[in-house]
Amino acid sequence: MIHNLHVYLVFRMRCPAFCKDEPSYWAPLFGTNIYADSSSICKAAVHAGVVSNESGGYVDVMPVDKKKMYPGSLRNGVQSER
């Protein structure tokens, strides 16, 4: 018998180069470290430093419970909103 088994769902996404330059009305970003589900995955990846804006790359995304607040910040040339 297995106790305390946790199963996590993870999606792998490919982010194109220069995705941070997409307009915020088309690709918004809300949060820092944990991002709102309405956020651009690729902008969040650049913001978090997981991929570079110049080359893009693959990022693993794991859905988590919704938060009450998503603080904004400026990281890696990307401003997230709150």
Protein backbone atom coordinates (compact mmCIF):
# COMPACT_ATOMS: atom_id res chain seq x y z
CA MET A 1 0.00 0.00 0.00
CA ILE A 2 1.32 3.45 -0.94
CA HIS A 3 0.69 6.26 1.52
CA ASN A 4 0.98 9.97 0.85
CA LEU A 5 1.22 9.55 -2.91
CA HIS A 6 1.09 12.89 -4.70
CA VAL A 7 0.46 13.08 -8.43
CA TYR A 8 1.41 16.28 -10.25
CA LEU A 9 0.32 17.28 -13.71
CA VAL A 10 3.08 18.95 -15.76
CA PHE A 11 2.87 20.37 -19.27
CA ARG A 12 5.91 21.03 -21.47
CA MET A 13 5.61 24.10 -23.68
CA ARG A 14 7.91 25.52 -26.33
CA CYS A 15 8.39 29.27 -26.14
CA PRO A 16 9.50 31.15 -29.26
CA ALA A 17 12.33 33.67 -29.22
CA PHE A 18 11.41 37.30 -28.43
CA CYS A 19 8.08 36.45 -26.81
CA LYS A 20 8.55 39.17 -24.16
CA ASP A 21 8.05 41.77 -26.89
CA GLU A 22 4.43 40.75 -27.49
CA PRO A 23 1.92 43.46 -26.51
CA SER A 24 0.50 43.12 -23.00
CA TYR A 25 -3.10 43.31 -24.24
CA TRP A 26 -2.41 40.10 -26.20
CA ALA A 27 -0.05 38.41 -23.72
CA PRO A 28 -0.56 39.75 -20.17
CA LEU A 29 1.55 38.73 -17.19
CA PHE A 30 0.32 38.67 -13.59
CA GLY A 31 2.49 37.55 -10.67
CA THR A 32 6.01 36.70 -9.58
CA ASN A 33 7.26 33.11 -9.16
CA ILE A 34 3.64 31.91 -9.28
CA TYR A 35 1.65 33.39 -12.14
CA ALA A 36 -2.09 33.75 -12.75
CA ASP A 37 -3.62 31.27 -15.19
CA SER A 38 -4.47 34.17 -17.52
CA SER A 39 -0.75 35.01 -17.88
CA SER A 40 1.37 34.41 -20.95
CA ILE A 41 3.34 31.23 -20.23
CA CYS A 42 6.29 32.34 -22.34
CA LYS A 43 6.46 35.83 -20.82
CA ALA A 44 6.32 34.22 -17.38
CA ALA A 45 9.20 31.91 -18.35
CA VAL A 46 11.37 34.87 -19.43
CA HIS A 47 10.34 36.85 -16.31
CA ALA A 48 11.31 33.91 -14.08
CA GLY A 49 14.62 33.41 -15.91
CA VAL A 50 13.74 29.90 -17.08
CA VAL A 51 14.26 30.74 -20.77
CA SER A 52 16.03 33.65 -22.45
CA ASN A 53 14.09 36.08 -24.60
CA GLU A 54 16.71 35.84 -27.35
CA SER A 55 16.56 32.07 -27.83
CA GLY A 56 13.28 30.90 -26.27
CA GLY A 57 13.15 27.24 -25.28
CA TYR A 58 11.12 24.64 -23.45
CA VAL A 59 9.45 25.23 -20.11
CA ASP A 60 7.57 22.86 -17.81
CA VAL A 61 4.31 24.24 -16.41
CA MET A 62 2.60 22.85 -13.33
CA PRO A 63 -0.88 24.12 -12.45
CA VAL A 64 -1.32 25.03 -8.79
CA ASP A 65 -4.19 26.33 -6.68
CA LYS A 66 -5.36 29.85 -7.41
CA LYS A 67 -3.96 32.60 -5.17
CA LYS A 68 -5.81 35.64 -3.86
CA MET A 69 -3.07 37.99 -5.04
CA TYR A 70 -0.29 37.89 -7.61
CA PRO A 71 2.38 40.51 -6.81
CA GLY A 72 4.00 42.20 -9.80
CA SER A 73 7.71 42.84 -10.34
CA LEU A 74 10.32 43.75 -12.94
CA ARG A 75 12.63 40.85 -13.83
CA ASN A 76 14.77 40.08 -16.87
CA GLY A 77 13.34 43.08 -18.71
CA VAL A 78 9.72 41.97 -18.21
CA GLN A 79 7.25 43.84 -16.00
CA SER A 80 4.50 41.73 -14.47
CA GLU A 81 1.30 43.27 -13.19
CA ARG A 82 -0.51 42.57 -9.95
